[in-house]
């Protein structure tokens, strides 16, 4: 396949691009390399697939030194003219939109970033797919769309009308925008509701990264909701496996769908949404103890109130993914944490020790 991955220097996008390139697909990656977190980490991810930092220029196609099947473009989703040029030259079979302004708490203080990247940028992707006959668009949604829902496990059959942050609202808007294009233009779209992804090369603003860094430095870690936080932690390789399987699973209209009794996860249009999680609940304090075990060092824990926009409990019902593509996440949390810790100690303790 010929594939466009936006957000390809990001955590999930980097791993996904590697997987597709290894399997012999042609991949074009797009990322704006913004400063939301350490840009050097993004450059180093790109270097793993042969994109050299000193060759990257805005809007310029950079070909991988390791595999000619991978190309990279630095650019913003909001740049409509650039996105149109990429689609004109790409002739993509599949587009996977992972680029977004991430972070619930950041959305409380920088709301305009989310509208530009997650709404305006996504519109440009939809238009590119529509006008260039893309066979399948997959896009990142989020477990945060469930908002105030408290019925566990969280299921795509539930409504998602009560978001708790602007970040969550922009992800819900992506699902609605995708549905309108699926309905009007027959564009097959699949939404991916990710549940707390972790693993090597992860984001520095995520709990595993923050906790590991603080414990090693002998600094206290902040655990919110007084430790009563539960997450469906999902290892990045399991996430990638799910996306790869879904990329070839092009949705069609649900012939059983009825406007009199409308379901939330399918449509008379070629539109679907799926949870991608681990289908398990992990207490955040147990997560911390697993990090302590792999580091061989105790954490100084400070229990604090829940933060605005935070959801106390998440757990994914992934039965729809299992039925559709045989999705079976199989990485135990303790094993995944061990792999992350090994990567972290190598990355920051070796050639990157000075950073």
C-alpha atoms as a PDB file:
ATOM      1  CA  UNK A   1       0.000   0.000   0.000  1.00  0.00           C
ATOM      2  CA  UNK A   2       0.892   3.652  -0.357  1.00  0.00           C
ATOM      3  CA  UNK A   3       0.262   5.218   3.051  1.00  0.00           C
ATOM      4  CA  UNK A   4       0.271   8.728   4.538  1.00  0.00           C
ATOM      5  CA  UNK A   5       0.838   8.919   8.299  1.00  0.00           C
ATOM      6  CA  UNK A   6       0.422  12.327   9.906  1.00  0.00           C
ATOM      7  CA  UNK A   7       2.120  12.802  13.262  1.00  0.00           C
ATOM      8  CA  UNK A   8       4.822  10.394  12.101  1.00  0.00           C
ATOM      9  CA  UNK A   9       7.480  11.793  14.468  1.00  0.00           C
ATOM     10  CA  UNK A  10       5.090  11.312  17.376  1.00  0.00           C
ATOM     11  CA  UNK A  11       5.015   8.353  19.717  1.00  0.00           C
ATOM     12  CA  UNK A  12       2.454   6.117  17.994  1.00  0.00           C
ATOM     13  CA  UNK A  13       3.130   7.482  14.500  1.00  0.00           C
ATOM     14  CA  UNK A  14       6.841   6.664  14.737  1.00  0.00           C
ATOM     15  CA  UNK A  15       6.204   3.044  15.735  1.00  0.00           C
ATOM     16  CA  UNK A  16       3.505   2.654  13.086  1.00  0.00           C
ATOM     17  CA  UNK A  17       5.712   4.055  10.312  1.00  0.00           C
ATOM     18  CA  UNK A  18       8.483   1.645  11.283  1.00  0.00           C
ATOM     19  CA  UNK A  19       6.077  -1.290  11.120  1.00  0.00           C
ATOM     20  CA  UNK A  20       4.673  -0.414   7.699  1.00  0.00           C
ATOM     21  CA  UNK A  21       8.129   0.261   6.239  1.00  0.00           C
ATOM     22  CA  UNK A  22       9.387  -3.098   7.568  1.00  0.00           C
ATOM     23  CA  UNK A  23       6.473  -4.793   5.825  1.00  0.00           C
ATOM     24  CA  UNK A  24       7.426  -3.226   2.485  1.00  0.00           C
ATOM     25  CA  UNK A  25       4.752  -0.547   2.176  1.00  0.00           C
ATOM     26  CA  UNK A  26       5.504   2.926   0.826  1.00  0.00           C
ATOM     27  CA  UNK A  27       5.089   5.453   3.617  1.00  0.00           C
ATOM     28  CA  UNK A  28       4.996   9.243   3.632  1.00  0.00           C
ATOM     29  CA  UNK A  29       5.232  10.796   7.087  1.00  0.00           C
ATOM     30  CA  UNK A  30       4.120  14.302   8.021  1.00  0.00           C
ATOM     31  CA  UNK A  31       4.885  16.093  11.287  1.00  0.00           C
ATOM     32  CA  UNK A  32       5.310  19.716  12.348  1.00  0.00           C
ATOM     33  CA  UNK A  33       7.955  18.876  15.001  1.00  0.00           C
ATOM     34  CA  UNK A  34       6.402  21.391  17.397  1.00  0.00           C
ATOM     35  CA  UNK A  35       7.738  22.246  20.853  1.00  0.00           C
ATOM     36  CA  UNK A  36       4.910  20.769  22.939  1.00  0.00           C
ATOM     37  CA  UNK A  37       7.613  18.425  24.233  1.00  0.00           C
ATOM     38  CA  UNK A  38      11.310  17.777  23.575  1.00  0.00           C
ATOM     39  CA  UNK A  39      11.874  18.216  19.840  1.00  0.00           C
ATOM     40  CA  UNK A  40      15.147  16.299  20.017  1.00  0.00           C
ATOM     41  CA  UNK A  41      13.203  13.189  20.984  1.00  0.00           C
ATOM     42  CA  UNK A  42      11.182  13.593  17.778  1.00  0.00           C
ATOM     43  CA  UNK A  43      14.326  14.041  15.698  1.00  0.00           C
ATOM     44  CA  UNK A  44      15.832  10.933  17.283  1.00  0.00           C
ATOM     45  CA  UNK A  45      12.706   8.918  16.475  1.00  0.00           C
ATOM     46  CA  UNK A  46      13.007  10.013  12.850  1.00  0.00           C
ATOM     47  CA  UNK A  47      16.654   9.048  12.815  1.00  0.00           C
ATOM     48  CA  UNK A  48      15.628   5.472  13.673  1.00  0.00           C
ATOM     49  CA  UNK A  49      14.005   5.253  10.246  1.00  0.00           C
ATOM     50  CA  UNK A  50      16.821   7.104   8.480  1.00  0.00           C
ATOM     51  CA  UNK A  51      15.613  10.713   8.379  1.00  0.00           C
ATOM     52  CA  UNK A  52      18.526  12.969   9.292  1.00  0.00           C
ATOM     53  CA  UNK A  53      17.913  16.143  11.283  1.00  0.00           C
ATOM     54  CA  UNK A  54      20.066  18.444   9.159  1.00  0.00           C
ATOM     55  CA  UNK A  55      18.155  17.473   5.999  1.00  0.00           C
ATOM     56  CA  UNK A  56      14.698  18.481   7.272  1.00  0.00           C
ATOM     57  CA  UNK A  57      13.176  21.706   5.948  1.00  0.00           C
ATOM     58  CA  UNK A  58       9.578  22.881   6.134  1.00  0.00           C
ATOM     59  CA  UNK A  59       7.543  21.551   3.221  1.00  0.00           C
ATOM     60  CA  UNK A  60      10.457  19.654   1.691  1.00  0.00           C
ATOM     61  CA  UNK A  61      10.285  15.896   1.079  1.00  0.00           C
ATOM     62  CA  UNK A  62      13.157  14.114   2.836  1.00  0.00           C
ATOM     63  CA  UNK A  63      13.870  10.522   1.782  1.00  0.00           C
ATOM     64  CA  UNK A  64      15.012   7.982   4.353  1.00  0.00           C
ATOM     65  CA  UNK A  65      18.666   7.033   4.203  1.00  0.00           C
ATOM     66  CA  UNK A  66      17.775   3.536   5.465  1.00  0.00           C
ATOM     67  CA  UNK A  67      14.775   2.726   3.303  1.00  0.00           C
ATOM     68  CA  UNK A  68      13.762   4.552   0.095  1.00  0.00           C
ATOM     69  CA  UNK A  69      10.185   3.463   0.809  1.00  0.00           C
ATOM     70  CA  UNK A  70       9.933   6.073   3.568  1.00  0.00           C
ATOM     71  CA  UNK A  71       9.647   9.821   2.947  1.00  0.00           C
ATOM     72  CA  UNK A  72       9.154  12.605   5.488  1.00  0.00           C
ATOM     73  CA  UNK A  73       7.686  16.102   5.197  1.00  0.00           C
ATOM     74  CA  UNK A  74       7.873  18.725   7.938  1.00  0.00           C
ATOM     75  CA  UNK A  75       4.655  20.740   7.919  1.00  0.00           C
ATOM     76  CA  UNK A  76       1.428  21.739   9.646  1.00  0.00           C
ATOM     77  CA  UNK A  77      -1.980  20.192   9.062  1.00  0.00           C
ATOM     78  CA  UNK A  78      -3.385  23.727   9.161  1.00  0.00           C
ATOM     79  CA  UNK A  79      -1.352  24.616   6.052  1.00  0.00           C
ATOM     80  CA  UNK A  80      -4.018  23.803   3.486  1.00  0.00           C
ATOM     81  CA  UNK A  81      -1.863  24.457   0.425  1.00  0.00           C
ATOM     82  CA  UNK A  82       0.889  22.141   1.715  1.00  0.00           C
ATOM     83  CA  UNK A  83      -1.590  19.367   2.539  1.00  0.00           C
ATOM     84  CA  UNK A  84      -3.091  19.659  -0.948  1.00  0.00           C
ATOM     85  CA  UNK A  85       0.369  19.347  -2.549  1.00  0.00           C
ATOM     86  CA  UNK A  86       1.130  16.266  -0.460  1.00  0.00           C
ATOM     87  CA  UNK A  87      -2.121  14.610  -1.548  1.00  0.00           C
ATOM     88  CA  UNK A  88      -1.593  15.583  -5.194  1.00  0.00           C
ATOM     89  CA  UNK A  89       1.818  13.923  -5.305  1.00  0.00           C
ATOM     90  CA  UNK A  90       1.025  11.010  -3.002  1.00  0.00           C
ATOM     91  CA  UNK A  91      -1.749   8.955  -4.635  1.00  0.00           C
ATOM     92  CA  UNK A  92      -2.377   7.408  -1.208  1.00  0.00           C
ATOM     93  CA  UNK A  93      -4.383   4.244  -0.679  1.00  0.00           C
ATOM     94  CA  UNK A  94      -4.663   4.759   3.070  1.00  0.00           C
ATOM     95  CA  UNK A  95      -4.333   7.858   5.246  1.00  0.00           C
ATOM     96  CA  UNK A  96      -3.764   7.534   9.004  1.00  0.00           C
ATOM     97  CA  UNK A  97      -4.212  10.832  10.809  1.00  0.00           C
ATOM     98  CA  UNK A  98      -2.387  10.734  14.142  1.00  0.00           C
ATOM     99  CA  UNK A  99      -1.283  14.384  14.145  1.00  0.00           C
ATOM    100  CA  UNK A 100      -3.018  16.415  16.836  1.00  0.00           C
ATOM    101  CA  UNK A 101      -2.363  18.777  19.672  1.00  0.00           C
ATOM    102  CA  UNK A 102      -2.369  16.328  22.554  1.00  0.00           C
ATOM    103  CA  UNK A 103      -2.827  16.715  26.286  1.00  0.00           C
ATOM    104  CA  UNK A 104      -5.911  17.327  28.409  1.00  0.00           C
ATOM    105  CA  UNK A 105      -4.280  19.782  30.809  1.00  0.00           C
ATOM    106  CA  UNK A 106      -2.571  21.776  28.071  1.00  0.00           C
ATOM    107  CA  UNK A 107      -6.005  22.345  26.517  1.00  0.00           C
ATOM    108  CA  UNK A 108      -7.085  24.243  29.634  1.00  0.00           C
ATOM    109  CA  UNK A 109      -4.489  26.950  28.989  1.00  0.00           C
ATOM    110  CA  UNK A 110      -3.962  26.820  25.199  1.00  0.00           C
ATOM    111  CA  UNK A 111      -7.416  26.174  23.700  1.00  0.00           C
ATOM    112  CA  UNK A 112      -6.697  27.806  20.323  1.00  0.00           C
ATOM    113  CA  UNK A 113      -3.932  25.272  19.612  1.00  0.00           C
ATOM    114  CA  UNK A 114      -6.521  22.510  19.683  1.00  0.00           C
ATOM    115  CA  UNK A 115      -8.971  24.155  17.317  1.00  0.00           C
ATOM    116  CA  UNK A 116      -6.252  24.881  14.751  1.00  0.00           C
ATOM    117  CA  UNK A 117      -4.563  21.475  14.801  1.00  0.00           C
ATOM    118  CA  UNK A 118      -7.392  19.121  15.716  1.00  0.00           C
ATOM    119  CA  UNK A 119     -10.295  20.765  13.877  1.00  0.00           C
ATOM    120  CA  UNK A 120      -8.921  22.965  11.060  1.00  0.00           C
ATOM    121  CA  UNK A 121      -6.093  20.521  10.390  1.00  0.00           C
ATOM    122  CA  UNK A 122      -8.434  17.538  10.324  1.00  0.00           C
ATOM    123  CA  UNK A 123     -10.696  19.333   7.846  1.00  0.00           C
ATOM    124  CA  UNK A 124      -7.721  19.663   5.490  1.00  0.00           C
ATOM    125  CA  UNK A 125      -7.091  15.922   5.791  1.00  0.00           C
ATOM    126  CA  UNK A 126     -10.740  15.138   5.052  1.00  0.00           C
ATOM    127  CA  UNK A 127     -10.668  17.398   2.008  1.00  0.00           C
ATOM    128  CA  UNK A 128      -7.480  15.756   0.766  1.00  0.00           C
ATOM    129  CA  UNK A 129      -9.019  12.313   1.125  1.00  0.00           C
ATOM    130  CA  UNK A 130     -12.246  13.402  -0.575  1.00  0.00           C
ATOM    131  CA  UNK A 131     -10.683  15.065  -3.595  1.00  0.00           C
ATOM    132  CA  UNK A 132      -8.014  12.403  -4.173  1.00  0.00           C
ATOM    133  CA  UNK A 133     -10.127   9.244  -3.825  1.00  0.00           C
ATOM    134  CA  UNK A 134      -8.379   7.798  -0.763  1.00  0.00           C
ATOM    135  CA  UNK A 135      -9.692   4.285  -0.123  1.00  0.00           C
ATOM    136  CA  UNK A 136      -9.624   4.474   3.699  1.00  0.00           C
ATOM    137  CA  UNK A 137      -9.051   7.189   6.309  1.00  0.00           C
ATOM    138  CA  UNK A 138      -8.180   6.143   9.850  1.00  0.00           C
ATOM    139  CA  UNK A 139      -7.856   8.860  12.476  1.00  0.00           C
ATOM    140  CA  UNK A 140      -6.960   9.199  16.142  1.00  0.00           C
ATOM    141  CA  UNK A 141      -9.832   9.783  18.480  1.00  0.00           C
ATOM    142  CA  UNK A 142      -9.419   9.261  22.226  1.00  0.00           C
ATOM    143  CA  UNK A 143     -10.885   7.517  25.252  1.00  0.00           C
ATOM    144  CA  UNK A 144     -11.374  11.025  26.630  1.00  0.00           C
ATOM    145  CA  UNK A 145     -14.511  11.372  24.466  1.00  0.00           C
ATOM    146  CA  UNK A 146     -16.348   9.248  27.047  1.00  0.00           C
ATOM    147  CA  UNK A 147     -16.118  12.187  29.457  1.00  0.00           C
ATOM    148  CA  UNK A 148     -18.592  11.900  32.316  1.00  0.00           C
ATOM    149  CA  UNK A 149     -19.595   8.320  31.419  1.00  0.00           C
ATOM    150  CA  UNK A 150     -19.098   6.046  34.427  1.00  0.00           C
ATOM    151  CA  UNK A 151     -20.420   2.731  33.109  1.00  0.00           C
ATOM    152  CA  UNK A 152     -17.460   0.350  32.782  1.00  0.00           C
ATOM    153  CA  UNK A 153     -16.117  -0.990  30.557  1.00  0.00           C
ATOM    154  CA  UNK A 154     -16.441   1.965  28.199  1.00  0.00           C
ATOM    155  CA  UNK A 155     -18.113   0.810  25.001  1.00  0.00           C
ATOM    156  CA  UNK A 156     -18.487   2.339  21.560  1.00  0.00           C
ATOM    157  CA  UNK A 157     -22.197   1.611  21.929  1.00  0.00           C
ATOM    158  CA  UNK A 158     -22.411   4.326  24.608  1.00  0.00           C
ATOM    159  CA  UNK A 159     -23.068   7.969  23.813  1.00  0.00           C
ATOM    160  CA  UNK A 160     -20.187  10.449  24.064  1.00  0.00           C
ATOM    161  CA  UNK A 161     -21.981  13.739  24.538  1.00  0.00           C
ATOM    162  CA  UNK A 162     -20.414  14.969  27.793  1.00  0.00           C
ATOM    163  CA  UNK A 163     -16.695  15.728  27.287  1.00  0.00           C
ATOM    164  CA  UNK A 164     -14.695  17.020  30.252  1.00  0.00           C
ATOM    165  CA  UNK A 165     -12.091  19.016  28.317  1.00  0.00           C
ATOM    166  CA  UNK A 166     -11.715  20.910  25.062  1.00  0.00           C
ATOM    167  CA  UNK A 167      -9.227  18.260  23.935  1.00  0.00           C
ATOM    168  CA  UNK A 168     -11.962  15.635  24.296  1.00  0.00           C
ATOM    169  CA  UNK A 169     -14.439  17.905  22.514  1.00  0.00           C
ATOM    170  CA  UNK A 170     -12.111  18.257  19.506  1.00  0.00           C
ATOM    171  CA  UNK A 171     -11.770  14.473  19.308  1.00  0.00           C
ATOM    172  CA  UNK A 172     -15.553  14.073  19.395  1.00  0.00           C
ATOM    173  CA  UNK A 173     -15.742  16.708  16.663  1.00  0.00           C
ATOM    174  CA  UNK A 174     -13.354  14.626  14.526  1.00  0.00           C
ATOM    175  CA  UNK A 175     -15.735  11.686  14.726  1.00  0.00           C
ATOM    176  CA  UNK A 176     -18.653  13.900  13.694  1.00  0.00           C
ATOM    177  CA  UNK A 177     -16.709  15.542  10.866  1.00  0.00           C
ATOM    178  CA  UNK A 178     -15.611  12.132   9.579  1.00  0.00           C
ATOM    179  CA  UNK A 179     -19.202  10.899   9.626  1.00  0.00           C
ATOM    180  CA  UNK A 180     -20.381  13.838   7.547  1.00  0.00           C
ATOM    181  CA  UNK A 181     -17.743  13.090   4.877  1.00  0.00           C
ATOM    182  CA  UNK A 182     -18.576   9.384   4.978  1.00  0.00           C
ATOM    183  CA  UNK A 183     -22.260  10.206   4.495  1.00  0.00           C
ATOM    184  CA  UNK A 184     -21.901  12.917   1.859  1.00  0.00           C
ATOM    185  CA  UNK A 185     -19.032  11.555  -0.214  1.00  0.00           C
ATOM    186  CA  UNK A 186     -18.853   7.837   0.605  1.00  0.00           C
ATOM    187  CA  UNK A 187     -15.378   8.236   2.151  1.00  0.00           C
ATOM    188  CA  UNK A 188     -14.684   5.176   4.348  1.00  0.00           C
ATOM    189  CA  UNK A 189     -13.500   6.397   7.769  1.00  0.00           C
ATOM    190  CA  UNK A 190     -12.481   4.610  10.954  1.00  0.00           C
ATOM    191  CA  UNK A 191     -12.051   6.368  14.304  1.00  0.00           C
ATOM    192  CA  UNK A 192      -9.511   4.996  16.788  1.00  0.00           C
ATOM    193  CA  UNK A 193     -10.301   5.661  20.453  1.00  0.00           C
ATOM    194  CA  UNK A 194      -6.903   5.145  22.108  1.00  0.00           C
ATOM    195  CA  UNK A 195      -6.635   4.207  25.787  1.00  0.00           C
ATOM    196  CA  UNK A 196      -3.491   5.416  27.666  1.00  0.00           C
ATOM    197  CA  UNK A 197      -0.730   4.238  25.344  1.00  0.00           C
ATOM    198  CA  UNK A 198       2.740   3.618  26.810  1.00  0.00           C
ATOM    199  CA  UNK A 199       6.062   2.102  25.797  1.00  0.00           C
ATOM    200  CA  UNK A 200       9.574   2.916  24.502  1.00  0.00           C
ATOM    201  CA  UNK A 201      10.001   6.302  22.794  1.00  0.00           C
ATOM    202  CA  UNK A 202       6.913   7.530  24.664  1.00  0.00           C
ATOM    203  CA  UNK A 203       5.805  11.093  25.315  1.00  0.00           C
ATOM    204  CA  UNK A 204       7.509  12.998  28.170  1.00  0.00           C
ATOM    205  CA  UNK A 205       4.158  14.410  29.346  1.00  0.00           C
ATOM    206  CA  UNK A 206       2.724  10.950  30.062  1.00  0.00           C
ATOM    207  CA  UNK A 207       2.662   9.351  33.509  1.00  0.00           C
ATOM    208  CA  UNK A 208       5.194   6.561  32.865  1.00  0.00           C
ATOM    209  CA  UNK A 209       7.798   9.001  31.550  1.00  0.00           C
ATOM    210  CA  UNK A 210       7.174  11.563  34.318  1.00  0.00           C
ATOM    211  CA  UNK A 211       7.295   8.967  37.100  1.00  0.00           C
ATOM    212  CA  UNK A 212      10.430   7.225  35.802  1.00  0.00           C
ATOM    213  CA  UNK A 213      12.308  10.504  35.427  1.00  0.00           C
ATOM    214  CA  UNK A 214      11.317  11.730  38.905  1.00  0.00           C
ATOM    215  CA  UNK A 215      12.112   8.458  40.696  1.00  0.00           C
ATOM    216  CA  UNK A 216      15.574   8.298  39.134  1.00  0.00           C
ATOM    217  CA  UNK A 217      16.204  11.921  40.137  1.00  0.00           C
ATOM    218  CA  UNK A 218      15.032  11.315  43.710  1.00  0.00           C
ATOM    219  CA  UNK A 219      12.176  13.775  43.237  1.00  0.00           C
ATOM    220  CA  UNK A 220       8.589  13.295  44.478  1.00  0.00           C
ATOM    221  CA  UNK A 221       5.863  12.185  42.079  1.00  0.00           C
ATOM    222  CA  UNK A 222       2.343  13.620  42.122  1.00  0.00           C
ATOM    223  CA  UNK A 223      -0.433  11.026  42.081  1.00  0.00           C
ATOM    224  CA  UNK A 224      -3.825  12.626  41.569  1.00  0.00           C
ATOM    225  CA  UNK A 225      -7.254  11.783  42.978  1.00  0.00           C
ATOM    226  CA  UNK A 226      -5.385  10.673  46.119  1.00  0.00           C
ATOM    227  CA  UNK A 227      -4.230   7.559  44.287  1.00  0.00           C
ATOM    228  CA  UNK A 228      -7.715   6.459  43.240  1.00  0.00           C
ATOM    229  CA  UNK A 229      -6.968   6.568  39.531  1.00  0.00           C
ATOM    230  CA  UNK A 230      -7.540   3.575  37.265  1.00  0.00           C
ATOM    231  CA  UNK A 231      -6.314   3.365  33.678  1.00  0.00           C
ATOM    232  CA  UNK A 232      -6.512   0.908  30.797  1.00  0.00           C
ATOM    233  CA  UNK A 233      -2.788   1.028  29.960  1.00  0.00           C
ATOM    234  CA  UNK A 234      -2.100  -0.257  26.439  1.00  0.00           C
ATOM    235  CA  UNK A 235       1.362  -1.124  25.151  1.00  0.00           C
ATOM    236  CA  UNK A 236       2.319   0.642  21.940  1.00  0.00           C
ATOM    237  CA  UNK A 237       3.020  -2.552  19.953  1.00  0.00           C
ATOM    238  CA  UNK A 238      -0.531  -3.739  20.682  1.00  0.00           C
ATOM    239  CA  UNK A 239      -1.841  -0.375  19.469  1.00  0.00           C
ATOM    240  CA  UNK A 240       0.189  -0.619  16.260  1.00  0.00           C
ATOM    241  CA  UNK A 241      -1.031  -4.162  15.638  1.00  0.00           C
ATOM    242  CA  UNK A 242      -4.615  -2.963  15.939  1.00  0.00           C
ATOM    243  CA  UNK A 243      -4.084  -0.078  13.508  1.00  0.00           C
ATOM    244  CA  UNK A 244      -2.349  -2.300  10.959  1.00  0.00           C
ATOM    245  CA  UNK A 245      -5.221  -4.777  11.064  1.00  0.00           C
ATOM    246  CA  UNK A 246      -7.844  -2.042  10.760  1.00  0.00           C
ATOM    247  CA  UNK A 247      -6.042  -0.329   7.860  1.00  0.00           C
ATOM    248  CA  UNK A 248      -7.099  -3.173   5.586  1.00  0.00           C
ATOM    249  CA  UNK A 249     -10.554  -3.465   7.138  1.00  0.00           C
ATOM    250  CA  UNK A 250     -12.430  -0.868   5.109  1.00  0.00           C
ATOM    251  CA  UNK A 251     -15.844  -0.077   6.607  1.00  0.00           C
ATOM    252  CA  UNK A 252     -18.997  -0.208   4.573  1.00  0.00           C
ATOM    253  CA  UNK A 253     -22.520   0.901   5.438  1.00  0.00           C
ATOM    254  CA  UNK A 254     -24.151  -1.043   8.265  1.00  0.00           C
ATOM    255  CA  UNK A 255     -27.220  -2.506   6.541  1.00  0.00           C
ATOM    256  CA  UNK A 256     -28.873  -3.127   9.924  1.00  0.00           C
ATOM    257  CA  UNK A 257     -28.514   0.495  11.021  1.00  0.00           C
ATOM    258  CA  UNK A 258     -31.766   2.373  11.550  1.00  0.00           C
ATOM    259  CA  UNK A 259     -32.423   6.068  11.968  1.00  0.00           C
ATOM    260  CA  UNK A 260     -35.346   5.160  14.244  1.00  0.00           C
ATOM    261  CA  UNK A 261     -33.049   3.374  16.714  1.00  0.00           C
ATOM    262  CA  UNK A 262     -29.591   4.696  15.779  1.00  0.00           C
ATOM    263  CA  UNK A 263     -26.520   2.957  17.193  1.00  0.00           C
ATOM    264  CA  UNK A 264     -23.496   5.009  18.251  1.00  0.00           C
ATOM    265  CA  UNK A 265     -20.689   2.947  16.698  1.00  0.00           C
ATOM    266  CA  UNK A 266     -21.856   2.383  13.114  1.00  0.00           C
ATOM    267  CA  UNK A 267     -23.954   4.095  10.458  1.00  0.00           C
ATOM    268  CA  UNK A 268     -25.726   3.834   7.137  1.00  0.00           C
ATOM    269  CA  UNK A 269     -22.519   5.540   5.911  1.00  0.00           C
ATOM    270  CA  UNK A 270     -19.128   3.755   5.626  1.00  0.00           C
ATOM    271  CA  UNK A 271     -18.102   4.967   9.102  1.00  0.00           C
ATOM    272  CA  UNK A 272     -16.979   3.116  12.223  1.00  0.00           C
ATOM    273  CA  UNK A 273     -15.352   3.865  15.564  1.00  0.00           C
ATOM    274  CA  UNK A 274     -13.381   1.375  17.664  1.00  0.00           C
ATOM    275  CA  UNK A 275     -11.849   1.294  21.115  1.00  0.00           C
ATOM    276  CA  UNK A 276      -8.181   0.295  21.069  1.00  0.00           C
ATOM    277  CA  UNK A 277      -7.217  -0.619  24.604  1.00  0.00           C
ATOM    278  CA  UNK A 278      -6.061  -3.489  26.780  1.00  0.00           C
ATOM    279  CA  UNK A 279      -9.456  -4.310  28.318  1.00  0.00           C
ATOM    280  CA  UNK A 280      -8.033  -4.275  31.836  1.00  0.00           C
ATOM    281  CA  UNK A 281      -8.022  -1.955  34.825  1.00  0.00           C
ATOM    282  CA  UNK A 282      -4.718  -1.014  36.468  1.00  0.00           C
ATOM    283  CA  UNK A 283      -4.592   1.038  39.646  1.00  0.00           C
ATOM    284  CA  UNK A 284      -2.205   3.943  39.161  1.00  0.00           C
ATOM    285  CA  UNK A 285      -0.417   3.123  42.425  1.00  0.00           C
ATOM    286  CA  UNK A 286       0.163  -0.448  41.170  1.00  0.00           C
ATOM    287  CA  UNK A 287       1.590   1.094  38.000  1.00  0.00           C
ATOM    288  CA  UNK A 288       3.985   3.148  40.161  1.00  0.00           C
ATOM    289  CA  UNK A 289       5.029   0.062  42.135  1.00  0.00           C
ATOM    290  CA  UNK A 290       5.859  -1.760  38.886  1.00  0.00           C
ATOM    291  CA  UNK A 291       8.105   1.135  37.856  1.00  0.00           C
ATOM    292  CA  UNK A 292       9.807   1.017  41.275  1.00  0.00           C
ATOM    293  CA  UNK A 293      10.431  -2.704  40.825  1.00  0.00           C
ATOM    294  CA  UNK A 294      12.085  -2.300  37.428  1.00  0.00           C
ATOM    295  CA  UNK A 295      14.153   0.691  38.563  1.00  0.00           C
ATOM    296  CA  UNK A 296      15.093  -0.898  41.878  1.00  0.00           C
ATOM    297  CA  UNK A 297      14.271   2.369  43.590  1.00  0.00           C
ATOM    298  CA  UNK A 298      11.365   3.592  45.730  1.00  0.00           C
ATOM    299  CA  UNK A 299       9.247   6.584  44.800  1.00  0.00           C
ATOM    300  CA  UNK A 300       8.357   9.477  47.052  1.00  0.00           C
ATOM    301  CA  UNK A 301       4.615   9.727  46.447  1.00  0.00           C
ATOM    302  CA  UNK A 302       2.525  12.838  46.999  1.00  0.00           C
ATOM    303  CA  UNK A 303      -1.219  12.201  46.875  1.00  0.00           C
ATOM    304  CA  UNK A 304      -3.144  15.165  45.472  1.00  0.00           C
ATOM    305  CA  UNK A 305      -6.746  15.990  44.418  1.00  0.00           C
ATOM    306  CA  UNK A 306      -7.988  15.128  40.951  1.00  0.00           C
ATOM    307  CA  UNK A 307      -7.132  17.708  38.296  1.00  0.00           C
ATOM    308  CA  UNK A 308      -9.672  19.530  36.100  1.00  0.00           C
ATOM    309  CA  UNK A 309     -10.503  17.512  32.996  1.00  0.00           C
ATOM    310  CA  UNK A 310      -9.135  14.238  34.397  1.00  0.00           C
ATOM    311  CA  UNK A 311     -11.255  11.085  34.259  1.00  0.00           C
ATOM    312  CA  UNK A 312     -10.843   8.883  37.367  1.00  0.00           C
ATOM    313  CA  UNK A 313     -11.411   5.503  35.665  1.00  0.00           C
ATOM    314  CA  UNK A 314     -11.005   4.143  32.123  1.00  0.00           C
ATOM    315  CA  UNK A 315     -11.407   0.609  30.831  1.00  0.00           C
ATOM    316  CA  UNK A 316     -11.989  -0.301  27.210  1.00  0.00           C
ATOM    317  CA  UNK A 317     -14.520  -2.742  25.862  1.00  0.00           C
ATOM    318  CA  UNK A 318     -12.605  -4.015  22.822  1.00  0.00           C
ATOM    319  CA  UNK A 319     -15.060  -6.729  21.810  1.00  0.00           C
ATOM    320  CA  UNK A 320     -15.896  -4.877  18.570  1.00  0.00           C
ATOM    321  CA  UNK A 321     -12.202  -4.840  17.574  1.00  0.00           C
ATOM    322  CA  UNK A 322     -11.866  -8.501  18.476  1.00  0.00           C
ATOM    323  CA  UNK A 323     -14.832  -9.409  16.302  1.00  0.00           C
ATOM    324  CA  UNK A 324     -13.820  -7.183  13.382  1.00  0.00           C
ATOM    325  CA  UNK A 325     -10.116  -7.964  13.026  1.00  0.00           C
ATOM    326  CA  UNK A 326      -9.201 -10.535  15.690  1.00  0.00           C
ATOM    327  CA  UNK A 327      -7.538  -7.914  17.910  1.00  0.00           C
ATOM    328  CA  UNK A 328      -5.920  -9.515  20.982  1.00  0.00           C
ATOM    329  CA  UNK A 329      -3.691  -7.196  23.072  1.00  0.00           C
ATOM    330  CA  UNK A 330      -1.270  -9.492  24.869  1.00  0.00           C
ATOM    331  CA  UNK A 331       1.476  -7.396  26.520  1.00  0.00           C
ATOM    332  CA  UNK A 332       1.297  -7.545  30.347  1.00  0.00           C
ATOM    333  CA  UNK A 333       1.723  -4.132  31.988  1.00  0.00           C
ATOM    334  CA  UNK A 334       4.736  -5.252  34.024  1.00  0.00           C
ATOM    335  CA  UNK A 335       6.487  -6.465  30.853  1.00  0.00           C
ATOM    336  CA  UNK A 336       5.662  -3.262  28.963  1.00  0.00           C
ATOM    337  CA  UNK A 337       6.965  -1.101  31.804  1.00  0.00           C
ATOM    338  CA  UNK A 338      10.173  -3.132  31.848  1.00  0.00           C
ATOM    339  CA  UNK A 339      10.702  -2.495  28.140  1.00  0.00           C
ATOM    340  CA  UNK A 340      10.122   1.225  28.635  1.00  0.00           C
ATOM    341  CA  UNK A 341      12.537   1.417  31.573  1.00  0.00           C
ATOM    342  CA  UNK A 342      15.219  -0.412  29.578  1.00  0.00           C
ATOM    343  CA  UNK A 343      14.755   2.050  26.707  1.00  0.00           C
ATOM    344  CA  UNK A 344      14.753   5.071  29.027  1.00  0.00           C
ATOM    345  CA  UNK A 345      17.969   4.046  30.773  1.00  0.00           C
ATOM    346  CA  UNK A 346      19.658   3.409  27.431  1.00  0.00           C
ATOM    347  CA  UNK A 347      18.412   6.614  25.770  1.00  0.00           C
ATOM    348  CA  UNK A 348      19.078   9.018  28.631  1.00  0.00           C
ATOM    349  CA  UNK A 349      21.966   7.166  30.231  1.00  0.00           C
ATOM    350  CA  UNK A 350      23.935   6.611  27.038  1.00  0.00           C
ATOM    351  CA  UNK A 351      24.538   8.997  24.171  1.00  0.00           C
ATOM    352  CA  UNK A 352      21.795  11.350  25.400  1.00  0.00           C
ATOM    353  CA  UNK A 353      23.053  11.663  28.978  1.00  0.00           C
ATOM    354  CA  UNK A 354      23.842  15.334  28.487  1.00  0.00           C
ATOM    355  CA  UNK A 355      20.253  16.217  27.513  1.00  0.00           C
END
